[in-house]
């Protein structure tokens, strides 16, 4: 449930930006989430819908784009995007070195669509 304070912050930022720009309605908010984040977009959307009631953001669509992480080999520096599923030994397919997952857990508001 740690999505709730994040959504509260996103809603506040979005409402402030919309009001500063004399917007009548927030149509959508595009959010980018890092690969290592454990935010669940289904909960983000539910919390947003509940918190946005009665505001110019009510009915807005939340679009969540989870950024891929990458596995990087500590031995040969080979990297593979998130779709890669390492074997049990977590070995690089090129050199058999250890693969480590890199990415971030941040979120950013990419854009806010208003009318």
PDB file of N, CA and C in Angstrom:
ATOM      1  N   UNK A   1       0.802  -1.198   0.000  1.00  0.00           N
ATOM      2  CA  UNK A   1       0.000   0.000   0.000  1.00  0.00           C
ATOM      3  C   UNK A   1       0.839   1.253   0.000  1.00  0.00           C
ATOM      4  N   UNK A   2       2.095   1.113  -0.282  1.00  0.00           N
ATOM      5  CA  UNK A   2       2.966   2.284  -0.340  1.00  0.00           C
ATOM      6  C   UNK A   2       2.696   3.116  -1.590  1.00  0.00           C
ATOM      7  N   UNK A   3       1.795   2.628  -2.468  1.00  0.00           N
ATOM      8  CA  UNK A   3       1.410   3.403  -3.644  1.00  0.00           C
ATOM      9  C   UNK A   3       0.600   4.641  -3.264  1.00  0.00           C
ATOM     10  N   UNK A   4      -0.141   4.565  -2.154  1.00  0.00           N
ATOM     11  CA  UNK A   4      -1.028   5.667  -1.759  1.00  0.00           C
ATOM     12  C   UNK A   4      -0.299   7.005  -1.595  1.00  0.00           C
ATOM     13  N   UNK A   5       0.778   7.097  -0.813  1.00  0.00           N
ATOM     14  CA  UNK A   5       1.447   8.404  -0.691  1.00  0.00           C
ATOM     15  C   UNK A   5       2.066   8.871  -2.008  1.00  0.00           C
ATOM     16  N   UNK A   6       2.484   7.945  -2.842  1.00  0.00           N
ATOM     17  CA  UNK A   6       3.034   8.322  -4.149  1.00  0.00           C
ATOM     18  C   UNK A   6       1.937   8.923  -5.021  1.00  0.00           C
ATOM     19  N   UNK A   7       0.778   8.293  -5.031  1.00  0.00           N
ATOM     20  CA  UNK A   7      -0.342   8.812  -5.821  1.00  0.00           C
ATOM     21  C   UNK A   7      -0.826  10.147  -5.270  1.00  0.00           C
ATOM     22  N   UNK A   8      -0.830  10.309  -3.957  1.00  0.00           N
ATOM     23  CA  UNK A   8      -1.199  11.608  -3.369  1.00  0.00           C
ATOM     24  C   UNK A   8      -0.273  12.702  -3.892  1.00  0.00           C
ATOM     25  N   UNK A   9       1.021  12.414  -3.938  1.00  0.00           N
ATOM     26  CA  UNK A   9       2.016  13.382  -4.424  1.00  0.00           C
ATOM     27  C   UNK A   9       1.818  13.660  -5.917  1.00  0.00           C
ATOM     28  N   UNK A  10       1.617  12.596  -6.706  1.00  0.00           N
ATOM     29  CA  UNK A  10       1.402  12.763  -8.151  1.00  0.00           C
ATOM     30  C   UNK A  10       0.153  13.603  -8.409  1.00  0.00           C
ATOM     31  N   UNK A  11      -0.920  13.326  -7.675  1.00  0.00           N
ATOM     32  CA  UNK A  11      -2.151  14.098  -7.843  1.00  0.00           C
ATOM     33  C   UNK A  11      -1.925  15.561  -7.475  1.00  0.00           C
ATOM     34  N   UNK A  12      -1.245  15.823  -6.372  1.00  0.00           N
ATOM     35  CA  UNK A  12      -0.991  17.203  -5.948  1.00  0.00           C
ATOM     36  C   UNK A  12      -0.164  17.953  -6.995  1.00  0.00           C
ATOM     37  N   UNK A  13       0.901  17.321  -7.462  1.00  0.00           N
ATOM     38  CA  UNK A  13       1.747  17.951  -8.495  1.00  0.00           C
ATOM     39  C   UNK A  13       0.930  18.235  -9.751  1.00  0.00           C
ATOM     40  N   UNK A  14       0.119  17.268 -10.152  1.00  0.00           N
ATOM     41  CA  UNK A  14      -0.692  17.416 -11.368  1.00  0.00           C
ATOM     42  C   UNK A  14      -1.732  18.515 -11.220  1.00  0.00           C
ATOM     43  N   UNK A  15      -2.413  18.553 -10.086  1.00  0.00           N
ATOM     44  CA  UNK A  15      -3.418  19.600  -9.849  1.00  0.00           C
ATOM     45  C   UNK A  15      -2.773  20.984  -9.809  1.00  0.00           C
ATOM     46  N   UNK A  16      -1.644  21.092  -9.128  1.00  0.00           N
ATOM     47  CA  UNK A  16      -0.941  22.381  -9.064  1.00  0.00           C
ATOM     48  C   UNK A  16      -0.531  22.850 -10.458  1.00  0.00           C
ATOM     49  N   UNK A  17       0.020  21.933 -11.254  1.00  0.00           N
ATOM     50  CA  UNK A  17       0.455  22.285 -12.610  1.00  0.00           C
ATOM     51  C   UNK A  17      -0.738  22.681 -13.475  1.00  0.00           C
ATOM     52  N   UNK A  18      -1.830  21.952 -13.354  1.00  0.00           N
ATOM     53  CA  UNK A  18      -3.026  22.259 -14.150  1.00  0.00           C
ATOM     54  C   UNK A  18      -3.599  23.619 -13.773  1.00  0.00           C
ATOM     55  N   UNK A  19      -3.676  23.890 -12.486  1.00  0.00           N
ATOM     56  CA  UNK A  19      -4.217  25.182 -12.036  1.00  0.00           C
ATOM     57  C   UNK A  19      -3.317  26.347 -12.440  1.00  0.00           C
ATOM     58  N   UNK A  20      -2.010  26.156 -12.365  1.00  0.00           N
ATOM     59  CA  UNK A  20      -1.059  27.200 -12.789  1.00  0.00           C
ATOM     60  C   UNK A  20      -1.213  27.529 -14.263  1.00  0.00           C
ATOM     61  N   UNK A  21      -1.675  26.548 -15.039  1.00  0.00           N
ATOM     62  CA  UNK A  21      -1.833  26.738 -16.478  1.00  0.00           C
ATOM     63  C   UNK A  21      -3.292  26.940 -16.891  1.00  0.00           C
ATOM     64  N   UNK A  22      -4.129  27.293 -15.909  1.00  0.00           N
ATOM     65  CA  UNK A  22      -5.548  27.583 -16.149  1.00  0.00           C
ATOM     66  C   UNK A  22      -6.288  26.461 -16.861  1.00  0.00           C
ATOM     67  N   UNK A  23      -5.948  25.226 -16.576  1.00  0.00           N
ATOM     68  CA  UNK A  23      -6.617  24.085 -17.191  1.00  0.00           C
ATOM     69  C   UNK A  23      -7.982  23.886 -16.536  1.00  0.00           C
ATOM     70  N   UNK A  24      -8.909  23.422 -17.322  1.00  0.00           N
ATOM     71  CA  UNK A  24     -10.252  23.151 -16.817  1.00  0.00           C
ATOM     72  C   UNK A  24     -10.391  21.696 -16.360  1.00  0.00           C
ATOM     73  N   UNK A  25      -9.582  20.814 -16.974  1.00  0.00           N
ATOM     74  CA  UNK A  25      -9.706  19.388 -16.699  1.00  0.00           C
ATOM     75  C   UNK A  25      -8.385  18.685 -16.987  1.00  0.00           C
ATOM     76  N   UNK A  26      -8.018  17.739 -16.131  1.00  0.00           N
ATOM     77  CA  UNK A  26      -6.883  16.857 -16.401  1.00  0.00           C
ATOM     78  C   UNK A  26      -7.443  15.624 -17.089  1.00  0.00           C
ATOM     79  N   UNK A  27      -6.942  15.349 -18.283  1.00  0.00           N
ATOM     80  CA  UNK A  27      -7.430  14.227 -19.082  1.00  0.00           C
ATOM     81  C   UNK A  27      -6.628  12.959 -18.786  1.00  0.00           C
ATOM     82  N   UNK A  28      -5.305  13.098 -18.735  1.00  0.00           N
ATOM     83  CA  UNK A  28      -4.462  11.928 -18.457  1.00  0.00           C
ATOM     84  C   UNK A  28      -3.140  12.366 -17.830  1.00  0.00           C
ATOM     85  N   UNK A  29      -2.534  11.420 -17.135  1.00  0.00           N
ATOM     86  CA  UNK A  29      -1.216  11.630 -16.533  1.00  0.00           C
ATOM     87  C   UNK A  29      -0.368  10.422 -16.899  1.00  0.00           C
ATOM     88  N   UNK A  30       0.774  10.687 -17.515  1.00  0.00           N
ATOM     89  CA  UNK A  30       1.687   9.614 -17.900  1.00  0.00           C
ATOM     90  C   UNK A  30       2.821   9.536 -16.894  1.00  0.00           C
ATOM     91  N   UNK A  31       2.965   8.351 -16.308  1.00  0.00           N
ATOM     92  CA  UNK A  31       3.969   8.128 -15.270  1.00  0.00           C
ATOM     93  C   UNK A  31       4.944   7.065 -15.746  1.00  0.00           C
ATOM     94  N   UNK A  32       6.217   7.321 -15.495  1.00  0.00           N
ATOM     95  CA  UNK A  32       7.258   6.342 -15.817  1.00  0.00           C
ATOM     96  C   UNK A  32       7.818   5.816 -14.491  1.00  0.00           C
ATOM     97  N   UNK A  33       7.907   4.484 -14.392  1.00  0.00           N
ATOM     98  CA  UNK A  33       8.372   3.853 -13.164  1.00  0.00           C
ATOM     99  C   UNK A  33       9.611   3.017 -13.479  1.00  0.00           C
ATOM    100  N   UNK A  34      10.609   3.125 -12.640  1.00  0.00           N
ATOM    101  CA  UNK A  34      11.847   2.375 -12.820  1.00  0.00           C
ATOM    102  C   UNK A  34      11.653   0.874 -12.656  1.00  0.00           C
ATOM    103  N   UNK A  35      12.542   0.121 -13.238  1.00  0.00           N
ATOM    104  CA  UNK A  35      12.457  -1.345 -13.272  1.00  0.00           C
ATOM    105  C   UNK A  35      12.484  -1.981 -11.887  1.00  0.00           C
ATOM    106  N   UNK A  36      13.146  -1.363 -10.943  1.00  0.00           N
ATOM    107  CA  UNK A  36      13.265  -1.957  -9.617  1.00  0.00           C
ATOM    108  C   UNK A  36      12.155  -1.533  -8.662  1.00  0.00           C
ATOM    109  N   UNK A  37      11.215  -0.729  -9.160  1.00  0.00           N
ATOM    110  CA  UNK A  37      10.088  -0.317  -8.341  1.00  0.00           C
ATOM    111  C   UNK A  37       9.128  -1.484  -8.168  1.00  0.00           C
ATOM    112  N   UNK A  38       8.539  -1.584  -6.998  1.00  0.00           N
ATOM    113  CA  UNK A  38       7.541  -2.632  -6.798  1.00  0.00           C
ATOM    114  C   UNK A  38       6.127  -2.054  -6.784  1.00  0.00           C
ATOM    115  N   UNK A  39       5.948  -0.829  -7.309  1.00  0.00           N
ATOM    116  CA  UNK A  39       4.617  -0.236  -7.406  1.00  0.00           C
ATOM    117  C   UNK A  39       3.756  -1.079  -8.344  1.00  0.00           C
ATOM    118  N   UNK A  40       2.531  -1.293  -7.937  1.00  0.00           N
ATOM    119  CA  UNK A  40       1.577  -2.041  -8.747  1.00  0.00           C
ATOM    120  C   UNK A  40       0.655  -1.044  -9.434  1.00  0.00           C
ATOM    121  N   UNK A  41       0.679  -1.010 -10.766  1.00  0.00           N
ATOM    122  CA  UNK A  41      -0.113  -0.005 -11.465  1.00  0.00           C
ATOM    123  C   UNK A  41      -1.611  -0.160 -11.220  1.00  0.00           C
ATOM    124  N   UNK A  42      -2.095  -1.359 -10.981  1.00  0.00           N
ATOM    125  CA  UNK A  42      -3.518  -1.530 -10.695  1.00  0.00           C
ATOM    126  C   UNK A  42      -3.901  -0.779  -9.417  1.00  0.00           C
ATOM    127  N   UNK A  43      -3.032  -0.811  -8.384  1.00  0.00           N
ATOM    128  CA  UNK A  43      -3.312  -0.075  -7.152  1.00  0.00           C
ATOM    129  C   UNK A  43      -3.130   1.418  -7.343  1.00  0.00           C
ATOM    130  N   UNK A  44      -2.145   1.797  -8.146  1.00  0.00           N
ATOM    131  CA  UNK A  44      -1.941   3.221  -8.416  1.00  0.00           C
ATOM    132  C   UNK A  44      -3.204   3.809  -9.051  1.00  0.00           C
ATOM    133  N   UNK A  45      -3.781   3.086  -9.994  1.00  0.00           N
ATOM    134  CA  UNK A  45      -4.983   3.562 -10.682  1.00  0.00           C
ATOM    135  C   UNK A  45      -6.177   3.614  -9.733  1.00  0.00           C
ATOM    136  N   UNK A  46      -6.334   2.603  -8.885  1.00  0.00           N
ATOM    137  CA  UNK A  46      -7.454   2.598  -7.925  1.00  0.00           C
ATOM    138  C   UNK A  46      -7.337   3.750  -6.937  1.00  0.00           C
ATOM    139  N   UNK A  47      -6.143   3.943  -6.385  1.00  0.00           N
ATOM    140  CA  UNK A  47      -5.946   5.036  -5.435  1.00  0.00           C
ATOM    141  C   UNK A  47      -6.161   6.390  -6.111  1.00  0.00           C
ATOM    142  N   UNK A  48      -5.673   6.526  -7.338  1.00  0.00           N
ATOM    143  CA  UNK A  48      -5.852   7.781  -8.051  1.00  0.00           C
ATOM    144  C   UNK A  48      -7.335   8.079  -8.235  1.00  0.00           C
ATOM    145  N   UNK A  49      -8.096   7.090  -8.702  1.00  0.00           N
ATOM    146  CA  UNK A  49      -9.533   7.293  -8.922  1.00  0.00           C
ATOM    147  C   UNK A  49     -10.226   7.746  -7.638  1.00  0.00           C
ATOM    148  N   UNK A  50      -9.864   7.141  -6.510  1.00  0.00           N
ATOM    149  CA  UNK A  50     -10.482   7.502  -5.233  1.00  0.00           C
ATOM    150  C   UNK A  50     -10.087   8.913  -4.791  1.00  0.00           C
ATOM    151  N   UNK A  51      -8.807   9.243  -4.915  1.00  0.00           N
ATOM    152  CA  UNK A  51      -8.318  10.550  -4.459  1.00  0.00           C
ATOM    153  C   UNK A  51      -8.738  11.699  -5.380  1.00  0.00           C
ATOM    154  N   UNK A  52      -8.936  11.412  -6.658  1.00  0.00           N
ATOM    155  CA  UNK A  52      -9.242  12.462  -7.631  1.00  0.00           C
ATOM    156  C   UNK A  52     -10.716  12.874  -7.634  1.00  0.00           C
ATOM    157  N   UNK A  53     -11.564  12.111  -6.970  1.00  0.00           N
ATOM    158  CA  UNK A  53     -13.002  12.445  -6.948  1.00  0.00           C
ATOM    159  C   UNK A  53     -13.203  13.877  -6.457  1.00  0.00           C
ATOM    160  N   UNK A  54     -14.036  14.608  -7.207  1.00  0.00           N
ATOM    161  CA  UNK A  54     -14.350  15.978  -6.828  1.00  0.00           C
ATOM    162  C   UNK A  54     -13.314  17.004  -7.247  1.00  0.00           C
ATOM    163  N   UNK A  55     -12.278  16.579  -7.982  1.00  0.00           N
ATOM    164  CA  UNK A  55     -11.247  17.512  -8.464  1.00  0.00           C
ATOM    165  C   UNK A  55     -11.302  17.565  -9.989  1.00  0.00           C
ATOM    166  N   UNK A  56     -10.514  18.452 -10.578  1.00  0.00           N
ATOM    167  CA  UNK A  56     -10.470  18.517 -12.045  1.00  0.00           C
ATOM    168  C   UNK A  56      -9.752  17.307 -12.644  1.00  0.00           C
ATOM    169  N   UNK A  57      -9.220  16.454 -11.791  1.00  0.00           N
ATOM    170  CA  UNK A  57      -8.563  15.232 -12.260  1.00  0.00           C
ATOM    171  C   UNK A  57      -9.505  14.022 -12.231  1.00  0.00           C
ATOM    172  N   UNK A  58     -10.722  14.211 -11.740  1.00  0.00           N
ATOM    173  CA  UNK A  58     -11.656  13.085 -11.679  1.00  0.00           C
ATOM    174  C   UNK A  58     -11.894  12.540 -13.089  1.00  0.00           C
ATOM    175  N   UNK A  59     -11.775  11.243 -13.228  1.00  0.00           N
ATOM    176  CA  UNK A  59     -11.963  10.591 -14.524  1.00  0.00           C
ATOM    177  C   UNK A  59     -10.724  10.559 -15.395  1.00  0.00           C
ATOM    178  N   UNK A  60      -9.643  11.188 -14.940  1.00  0.00           N
ATOM    179  CA  UNK A  60      -8.404  11.182 -15.731  1.00  0.00           C
ATOM    180  C   UNK A  60      -7.844   9.772 -15.819  1.00  0.00           C
ATOM    181  N   UNK A  61      -7.150   9.517 -16.892  1.00  0.00           N
ATOM    182  CA  UNK A  61      -6.528   8.216 -17.114  1.00  0.00           C
ATOM    183  C   UNK A  61      -5.078   8.282 -16.640  1.00  0.00           C
ATOM    184  N   UNK A  62      -4.705   7.291 -15.838  1.00  0.00           N
ATOM    185  CA  UNK A  62      -3.309   7.166 -15.404  1.00  0.00           C
ATOM    186  C   UNK A  62      -2.650   6.133 -16.307  1.00  0.00           C
ATOM    187  N   UNK A  63      -1.602   6.538 -16.991  1.00  0.00           N
ATOM    188  CA  UNK A  63      -0.855   5.628 -17.850  1.00  0.00           C
ATOM    189  C   UNK A  63       0.487   5.356 -17.182  1.00  0.00           C
ATOM    190  N   UNK A  64       0.750   4.091 -16.893  1.00  0.00           N
ATOM    191  CA  UNK A  64       1.971   3.706 -16.201  1.00  0.00           C
ATOM    192  C   UNK A  64       2.877   2.960 -17.163  1.00  0.00           C
ATOM    193  N   UNK A  65       4.071   3.482 -17.339  1.00  0.00           N
ATOM    194  CA  UNK A  65       5.053   2.860 -18.224  1.00  0.00           C
ATOM    195  C   UNK A  65       6.225   2.389 -17.374  1.00  0.00           C
ATOM    196  N   UNK A  66       6.337   1.077 -17.215  1.00  0.00           N
ATOM    197  CA  UNK A  66       7.435   0.526 -16.423  1.00  0.00           C
ATOM    198  C   UNK A  66       8.659   0.397 -17.327  1.00  0.00           C
ATOM    199  N   UNK A  67       9.734   1.028 -16.933  1.00  0.00           N
ATOM    200  CA  UNK A  67      10.970   0.989 -17.703  1.00  0.00           C
ATOM    201  C   UNK A  67      11.708  -0.324 -17.485  1.00  0.00           C
ATOM    202  N   UNK A  68      12.270  -0.862 -18.542  1.00  0.00           N
ATOM    203  CA  UNK A  68      12.998  -2.120 -18.379  1.00  0.00           C
ATOM    204  C   UNK A  68      14.300  -1.910 -17.617  1.00  0.00           C
ATOM    205  N   UNK A  69      14.652  -2.915 -16.859  1.00  0.00           N
ATOM    206  CA  UNK A  69      15.962  -2.915 -16.229  1.00  0.00           C
ATOM    207  C   UNK A  69      16.906  -3.628 -17.176  1.00  0.00           C
ATOM    208  N   UNK A  70      18.089  -3.832 -16.747  1.00  0.00           N
ATOM    209  CA  UNK A  70      19.001  -4.625 -17.563  1.00  0.00           C
ATOM    210  C   UNK A  70      19.881  -5.467 -16.661  1.00  0.00           C
ATOM    211  N   UNK A  71      20.178  -6.642 -17.156  1.00  0.00           N
ATOM    212  CA  UNK A  71      21.139  -7.501 -16.480  1.00  0.00           C
ATOM    213  C   UNK A  71      22.493  -7.186 -17.084  1.00  0.00           C
ATOM    214  N   UNK A  72      23.484  -6.979 -16.239  1.00  0.00           N
ATOM    215  CA  UNK A  72      24.835  -6.686 -16.709  1.00  0.00           C
ATOM    216  C   UNK A  72      25.791  -7.698 -16.103  1.00  0.00           C
ATOM    217  N   UNK A  73      26.677  -8.206 -16.951  1.00  0.00           N
ATOM    218  CA  UNK A  73      27.657  -9.189 -16.517  1.00  0.00           C
ATOM    219  C   UNK A  73      28.830  -8.486 -15.840  1.00  0.00           C
ATOM    220  N   UNK A  74      29.214  -8.977 -14.667  1.00  0.00           N
ATOM    221  CA  UNK A  74      30.324  -8.364 -13.951  1.00  0.00           C
ATOM    222  C   UNK A  74      31.671  -8.730 -14.580  1.00  0.00           C
ATOM    223  N   UNK A  75      31.682  -9.764 -15.392  1.00  0.00           N
ATOM    224  CA  UNK A  75      32.934 -10.225 -15.998  1.00  0.00           C
ATOM    225  C   UNK A  75      33.197  -9.570 -17.367  1.00  0.00           C
ATOM    226  N   UNK A  76      32.230  -9.659 -18.287  1.00  0.00           N
ATOM    227  CA  UNK A  76      32.463  -9.155 -19.656  1.00  0.00           C
ATOM    228  C   UNK A  76      31.666  -7.898 -19.983  1.00  0.00           C
ATOM    229  N   UNK A  77      30.838  -7.416 -19.031  1.00  0.00           N
ATOM    230  CA  UNK A  77      30.037  -6.199 -19.199  1.00  0.00           C
ATOM    231  C   UNK A  77      28.914  -6.346 -20.231  1.00  0.00           C
ATOM    232  N   UNK A  78      28.621  -7.563 -20.650  1.00  0.00           N
ATOM    233  CA  UNK A  78      27.491  -7.824 -21.534  1.00  0.00           C
ATOM    234  C   UNK A  78      26.216  -7.379 -20.827  1.00  0.00           C
ATOM    235  N   UNK A  79      25.261  -6.804 -21.562  1.00  0.00           N
ATOM    236  CA  UNK A  79      24.006  -6.462 -20.917  1.00  0.00           C
ATOM    237  C   UNK A  79      22.825  -6.971 -21.733  1.00  0.00           C
ATOM    238  N   UNK A  80      21.757  -7.272 -21.012  1.00  0.00           N
ATOM    239  CA  UNK A  80      20.544  -7.797 -21.615  1.00  0.00           C
ATOM    240  C   UNK A  80      19.374  -7.104 -20.924  1.00  0.00           C
ATOM    241  N   UNK A  81      18.366  -6.726 -21.706  1.00  0.00           N
ATOM    242  CA  UNK A  81      17.189  -6.058 -21.146  1.00  0.00           C
ATOM    243  C   UNK A  81      16.385  -6.985 -20.238  1.00  0.00           C
ATOM    244  N   UNK A  82      15.407  -6.425 -19.570  1.00  0.00           N
ATOM    245  CA  UNK A  82      14.622  -7.097 -18.538  1.00  0.00           C
ATOM    246  C   UNK A  82      13.999  -8.419 -18.983  1.00  0.00           C
ATOM    247  N   UNK A  83      13.704  -8.579 -20.260  1.00  0.00           N
ATOM    248  CA  UNK A  83      13.068  -9.800 -20.733  1.00  0.00           C
ATOM    249  C   UNK A  83      13.937 -11.034 -20.485  1.00  0.00           C
ATOM    250  N   UNK A  84      15.227 -10.831 -20.310  1.00  0.00           N
ATOM    251  CA  UNK A  84      16.151 -11.935 -20.060  1.00  0.00           C
ATOM    252  C   UNK A  84      15.838 -12.577 -18.715  1.00  0.00           C
ATOM    253  N   UNK A  85      15.742 -13.883 -18.708  1.00  0.00           N
ATOM    254  CA  UNK A  85      15.539 -14.616 -17.460  1.00  0.00           C
ATOM    255  C   UNK A  85      16.782 -15.463 -17.248  1.00  0.00           C
ATOM    256  N   UNK A  86      17.582 -15.104 -16.260  1.00  0.00           N
ATOM    257  CA  UNK A  86      18.828 -15.844 -16.057  1.00  0.00           C
ATOM    258  C   UNK A  86      18.561 -17.270 -15.575  1.00  0.00           C
ATOM    259  N   UNK A  87      19.506 -18.143 -15.851  1.00  0.00           N
ATOM    260  CA  UNK A  87      19.372 -19.514 -15.370  1.00  0.00           C
ATOM    261  C   UNK A  87      19.583 -19.539 -13.855  1.00  0.00           C
ATOM    262  N   UNK A  88      19.485 -20.686 -13.246  1.00  0.00           N
ATOM    263  CA  UNK A  88      19.606 -20.793 -11.790  1.00  0.00           C
ATOM    264  C   UNK A  88      20.913 -20.241 -11.258  1.00  0.00           C
ATOM    265  N   UNK A  89      21.933 -20.344 -12.037  1.00  0.00           N
ATOM    266  CA  UNK A  89      23.246 -19.879 -11.586  1.00  0.00           C
ATOM    267  C   UNK A  89      23.463 -18.402 -11.894  1.00  0.00           C
ATOM    268  N   UNK A  90      22.462 -17.760 -12.556  1.00  0.00           N
ATOM    269  CA  UNK A  90      22.553 -16.346 -12.880  1.00  0.00           C
ATOM    270  C   UNK A  90      23.770 -16.054 -13.758  1.00  0.00           C
ATOM    271  N   UNK A  91      23.992 -16.907 -14.749  1.00  0.00           N
ATOM    272  CA  UNK A  91      25.192 -16.807 -15.580  1.00  0.00           C
ATOM    273  C   UNK A  91      24.945 -16.051 -16.878  1.00  0.00           C
ATOM    274  N   UNK A  92      25.951 -15.327 -17.292  1.00  0.00           N
ATOM    275  CA  UNK A  92      25.950 -14.616 -18.567  1.00  0.00           C
ATOM    276  C   UNK A  92      25.947 -15.641 -19.701  1.00  0.00           C
ATOM    277  N   UNK A  93      25.097 -15.462 -20.695  1.00  0.00           N
ATOM    278  CA  UNK A  93      25.078 -16.400 -21.817  1.00  0.00           C
ATOM    279  C   UNK A  93      26.339 -16.322 -22.694  1.00  0.00           C
ATOM    280  N   UNK A  94      27.099 -15.222 -22.575  1.00  0.00           N
ATOM    281  CA  UNK A  94      28.313 -15.056 -23.369  1.00  0.00           C
ATOM    282  C   UNK A  94      29.542 -15.691 -22.719  1.00  0.00           C
ATOM    283  N   UNK A  95      29.736 -15.389 -21.420  1.00  0.00           N
ATOM    284  CA  UNK A  95      30.995 -15.796 -20.788  1.00  0.00           C
ATOM    285  C   UNK A  95      30.816 -16.600 -19.496  1.00  0.00           C
ATOM    286  N   UNK A  96      29.570 -16.820 -19.096  1.00  0.00           N
ATOM    287  CA  UNK A  96      29.233 -17.534 -17.855  1.00  0.00           C
ATOM    288  C   UNK A  96      29.553 -16.739 -16.593  1.00  0.00           C
ATOM    289  N   UNK A  97      29.842 -15.450 -16.735  1.00  0.00           N
ATOM    290  CA  UNK A  97      30.048 -14.591 -15.567  1.00  0.00           C
ATOM    291  C   UNK A  97      28.718 -14.317 -14.864  1.00  0.00           C
ATOM    292  N   UNK A  98      28.779 -13.690 -13.696  1.00  0.00           N
ATOM    293  CA  UNK A  98      27.572 -13.394 -12.914  1.00  0.00           C
ATOM    294  C   UNK A  98      26.816 -12.206 -13.517  1.00  0.00           C
ATOM    295  N   UNK A  99      25.495 -12.370 -13.674  1.00  0.00           N
ATOM    296  CA  UNK A  99      24.634 -11.304 -14.174  1.00  0.00           C
ATOM    297  C   UNK A  99      23.975 -10.609 -12.995  1.00  0.00           C
ATOM    298  N   UNK A 100      23.997  -9.264 -12.983  1.00  0.00           N
ATOM    299  CA  UNK A 100      23.398  -8.463 -11.916  1.00  0.00           C
ATOM    300  C   UNK A 100      22.348  -7.543 -12.539  1.00  0.00           C
ATOM    301  N   UNK A 101      21.182  -7.430 -11.896  1.00  0.00           N
ATOM    302  CA  UNK A 101      20.115  -6.569 -12.385  1.00  0.00           C
ATOM    303  C   UNK A 101      20.394  -5.125 -12.002  1.00  0.00           C
ATOM    304  N   UNK A 102      20.317  -4.224 -12.994  1.00  0.00           N
ATOM    305  CA  UNK A 102      20.476  -2.790 -12.768  1.00  0.00           C
ATOM    306  C   UNK A 102      19.181  -2.094 -13.155  1.00  0.00           C
ATOM    307  N   UNK A 103      18.917  -0.980 -12.558  1.00  0.00           N
ATOM    308  CA  UNK A 103      17.742  -0.184 -12.853  1.00  0.00           C
ATOM    309  C   UNK A 103      17.523   0.769 -11.697  1.00  0.00           C
ATOM    310  N   UNK A 104      16.393   1.462 -11.722  1.00  0.00           N
ATOM    311  CA  UNK A 104      16.098   2.356 -10.603  1.00  0.00           C
ATOM    312  C   UNK A 104      14.693   2.079 -10.093  1.00  0.00           C
ATOM    313  N   UNK A 105      14.361   2.670  -8.986  1.00  0.00           N
ATOM    314  CA  UNK A 105      13.032   2.474  -8.409  1.00  0.00           C
ATOM    315  C   UNK A 105      12.250   3.788  -8.374  1.00  0.00           C
ATOM    316  N   UNK A 106      12.717   4.773  -9.108  1.00  0.00           N
ATOM    317  CA  UNK A 106      12.081   6.085  -9.120  1.00  0.00           C
ATOM    318  C   UNK A 106      10.827   6.097  -9.979  1.00  0.00           C
ATOM    319  N   UNK A 107      10.054   7.144  -9.806  1.00  0.00           N
ATOM    320  CA  UNK A 107       8.930   7.404 -10.698  1.00  0.00           C
ATOM    321  C   UNK A 107       9.020   8.861 -11.114  1.00  0.00           C
ATOM    322  N   UNK A 108       8.575   9.141 -12.326  1.00  0.00           N
ATOM    323  CA  UNK A 108       8.515  10.529 -12.785  1.00  0.00           C
ATOM    324  C   UNK A 108       7.192  10.740 -13.530  1.00  0.00           C
ATOM    325  N   UNK A 109       6.707  11.960 -13.476  1.00  0.00           N
ATOM    326  CA  UNK A 109       5.545  12.326 -14.275  1.00  0.00           C
ATOM    327  C   UNK A 109       6.087  12.768 -15.625  1.00  0.00           C
ATOM    328  N   UNK A 110       5.795  11.998 -16.659  1.00  0.00           N
ATOM    329  CA  UNK A 110       6.302  12.319 -17.996  1.00  0.00           C
ATOM    330  C   UNK A 110       5.538  13.501 -18.585  1.00  0.00           C
ATOM    331  N   UNK A 111       4.205  13.434 -18.510  1.00  0.00           N
ATOM    332  CA  UNK A 111       3.411  14.557 -18.986  1.00  0.00           C
ATOM    333  C   UNK A 111       1.993  14.485 -18.432  1.00  0.00           C
ATOM    334  N   UNK A 112       1.332  15.616 -18.507  1.00  0.00           N
ATOM    335  CA  UNK A 112      -0.043  15.743 -18.032  1.00  0.00           C
ATOM    336  C   UNK A 112      -0.848  16.335 -19.172  1.00  0.00           C
ATOM    337  N   UNK A 113      -1.869  15.628 -19.600  1.00  0.00           N
ATOM    338  CA  UNK A 113      -2.729  16.138 -20.674  1.00  0.00           C
ATOM    339  C   UNK A 113      -3.916  16.853 -20.047  1.00  0.00           C
ATOM    340  N   UNK A 114      -4.116  18.095 -20.441  1.00  0.00           N
ATOM    341  CA  UNK A 114      -5.205  18.906 -19.882  1.00  0.00           C
ATOM    342  C   UNK A 114      -6.009  19.547 -20.998  1.00  0.00           C
ATOM    343  N   UNK A 115      -7.203  20.015 -20.633  1.00  0.00           N
ATOM    344  CA  UNK A 115      -8.000  20.829 -21.564  1.00  0.00           C
ATOM    345  C   UNK A 115      -8.443  22.082 -20.840  1.00  0.00           C
TER     346      UNK A 115
END
